[in-house]
Amino acid sequence: MLNETPAVLRLNLNIRDKHLLTIDVNIKDNSVDVVYVDSENLNYEKLSDGQELIHPKYNDWVKILLRTARAAAKK
């Protein structure tokens, strides 16, 4: 039976005491959704047309958070 109740993990990454990234990871059934929550010094901006802009390394840092969370879950 699949889990119909989603689990939410709030993950934070501090990069060299210069940047801070906070995301939520929503896990339900076999899907994982990453949701931006907040950041400091990542130049996040939501434009009037709805487009969102952020630091070019954002996706790399999200991958680090997900890899770390996966490794911790296996322990």
C-alpha atoms as a PDB file:
ATOM      1  CA  MET A   1       0.000   0.000   0.000  1.00  0.00           C
ATOM      2  CA  LEU A   2       1.299   3.447  -0.893  1.00  0.00           C
ATOM      3  CA  ASN A   3       1.646   6.149   1.730  1.00  0.00           C
ATOM      4  CA  GLU A   4      -1.043   8.731   1.011  1.00  0.00           C
ATOM      5  CA  THR A   5       0.144  11.129   3.711  1.00  0.00           C
ATOM      6  CA  PRO A   6       2.982  13.283   2.451  1.00  0.00           C
ATOM      7  CA  ALA A   7       6.115  13.697   4.549  1.00  0.00           C
ATOM      8  CA  VAL A   8       7.767  17.101   4.584  1.00  0.00           C
ATOM      9  CA  LEU A   9      11.425  17.642   5.370  1.00  0.00           C
ATOM     10  CA  ARG A  10      12.731  21.164   5.928  1.00  0.00           C
ATOM     11  CA  LEU A  11      16.379  21.327   4.868  1.00  0.00           C
ATOM     12  CA  ASN A  12      18.863  24.171   5.349  1.00  0.00           C
ATOM     13  CA  LEU A  13      22.270  24.709   3.808  1.00  0.00           C
ATOM     14  CA  ASN A  14      24.783  27.303   4.980  1.00  0.00           C
ATOM     15  CA  ILE A  15      27.394  27.981   2.304  1.00  0.00           C
ATOM     16  CA  ARG A  16      30.626  29.454   3.695  1.00  0.00           C
ATOM     17  CA  ASP A  17      28.672  31.627   6.149  1.00  0.00           C
ATOM     18  CA  LYS A  18      27.790  33.743   3.118  1.00  0.00           C
ATOM     19  CA  HIS A  19      24.652  32.139   1.654  1.00  0.00           C
ATOM     20  CA  LEU A  20      21.738  30.395   3.341  1.00  0.00           C
ATOM     21  CA  LEU A  21      19.204  28.204   1.546  1.00  0.00           C
ATOM     22  CA  THR A  22      16.016  26.687   2.980  1.00  0.00           C
ATOM     23  CA  ILE A  23      13.859  24.228   1.042  1.00  0.00           C
ATOM     24  CA  ASP A  24      11.017  21.854   1.823  1.00  0.00           C
ATOM     25  CA  VAL A  25      11.138  18.349   0.392  1.00  0.00           C
ATOM     26  CA  ASN A  26       7.648  16.876   0.007  1.00  0.00           C
ATOM     27  CA  ILE A  27       7.627  13.089  -0.246  1.00  0.00           C
ATOM     28  CA  LYS A  28       4.468  11.229  -1.221  1.00  0.00           C
ATOM     29  CA  ASP A  29       4.218   7.772  -2.725  1.00  0.00           C
ATOM     30  CA  ASN A  30       7.163   7.571  -5.113  1.00  0.00           C
ATOM     31  CA  SER A  31       7.467  11.279  -5.854  1.00  0.00           C
ATOM     32  CA  VAL A  32       9.675  13.976  -4.379  1.00  0.00           C
ATOM     33  CA  ASP A  33       8.952  17.676  -4.824  1.00  0.00           C
ATOM     34  CA  VAL A  34      11.423  20.384  -3.848  1.00  0.00           C
ATOM     35  CA  VAL A  35       9.893  23.697  -2.812  1.00  0.00           C
ATOM     36  CA  TYR A  36      11.888  26.889  -2.296  1.00  0.00           C
ATOM     37  CA  VAL A  37      11.181  28.372   1.158  1.00  0.00           C
ATOM     38  CA  ASP A  38      13.743  31.113   1.811  1.00  0.00           C
ATOM     39  CA  SER A  39      17.300  32.234   1.216  1.00  0.00           C
ATOM     40  CA  GLU A  40      19.847  34.855   2.153  1.00  0.00           C
ATOM     41  CA  ASN A  41      22.272  36.348  -0.353  1.00  0.00           C
ATOM     42  CA  LEU A  42      21.071  34.166  -3.228  1.00  0.00           C
ATOM     43  CA  ASN A  43      19.537  37.082  -5.127  1.00  0.00           C
ATOM     44  CA  TYR A  44      16.062  35.516  -5.178  1.00  0.00           C
ATOM     45  CA  GLU A  45      13.582  37.614  -7.095  1.00  0.00           C
ATOM     46  CA  LYS A  46      10.056  36.996  -8.330  1.00  0.00           C
ATOM     47  CA  LEU A  47       9.306  39.093 -11.400  1.00  0.00           C
ATOM     48  CA  SER A  48       5.941  40.671 -12.204  1.00  0.00           C
ATOM     49  CA  ASP A  49       5.344  37.998 -14.877  1.00  0.00           C
ATOM     50  CA  GLY A  50       5.750  35.244 -12.245  1.00  0.00           C
ATOM     51  CA  GLN A  51       9.238  34.176 -13.344  1.00  0.00           C
ATOM     52  CA  GLU A  52      11.563  33.396 -10.440  1.00  0.00           C
ATOM     53  CA  LEU A  53      15.293  34.146 -10.512  1.00  0.00           C
ATOM     54  CA  ILE A  54      17.961  32.910  -8.085  1.00  0.00           C
ATOM     55  CA  HIS A  55      21.712  32.336  -7.779  1.00  0.00           C
ATOM     56  CA  PRO A  56      23.085  30.138 -10.609  1.00  0.00           C
ATOM     57  CA  LYS A  57      24.404  27.559  -8.085  1.00  0.00           C
ATOM     58  CA  TYR A  58      20.946  27.000  -6.533  1.00  0.00           C
ATOM     59  CA  ASN A  59      20.349  23.664  -8.294  1.00  0.00           C
ATOM     60  CA  ASP A  60      23.793  22.385  -7.279  1.00  0.00           C
ATOM     61  CA  TRP A  61      23.121  23.272  -3.650  1.00  0.00           C
ATOM     62  CA  VAL A  62      19.682  21.599  -3.754  1.00  0.00           C
ATOM     63  CA  LYS A  63      21.373  18.419  -5.052  1.00  0.00           C
ATOM     64  CA  ILE A  64      23.812  18.546  -2.116  1.00  0.00           C
ATOM     65  CA  LEU A  65      20.918  18.828   0.346  1.00  0.00           C
ATOM     66  CA  LEU A  66      19.040  15.925  -1.268  1.00  0.00           C
ATOM     67  CA  ARG A  67      22.147  13.721  -1.373  1.00  0.00           C
ATOM     68  CA  THR A  68      22.866  14.456   2.298  1.00  0.00           C
ATOM     69  CA  ALA A  69      19.260  13.722   3.316  1.00  0.00           C
ATOM     70  CA  ARG A  70      19.297  10.435   1.338  1.00  0.00           C
ATOM     71  CA  ALA A  71      22.543   9.346   3.014  1.00  0.00           C
ATOM     72  CA  ALA A  72      21.185  10.194   6.467  1.00  0.00           C
ATOM     73  CA  ALA A  73      17.987   8.220   5.786  1.00  0.00           C
ATOM     74  CA  LYS A  74      20.000   5.101   4.951  1.00  0.00           C
ATOM     75  CA  LYS A  75      21.727   5.089   8.362  1.00  0.00           C
END
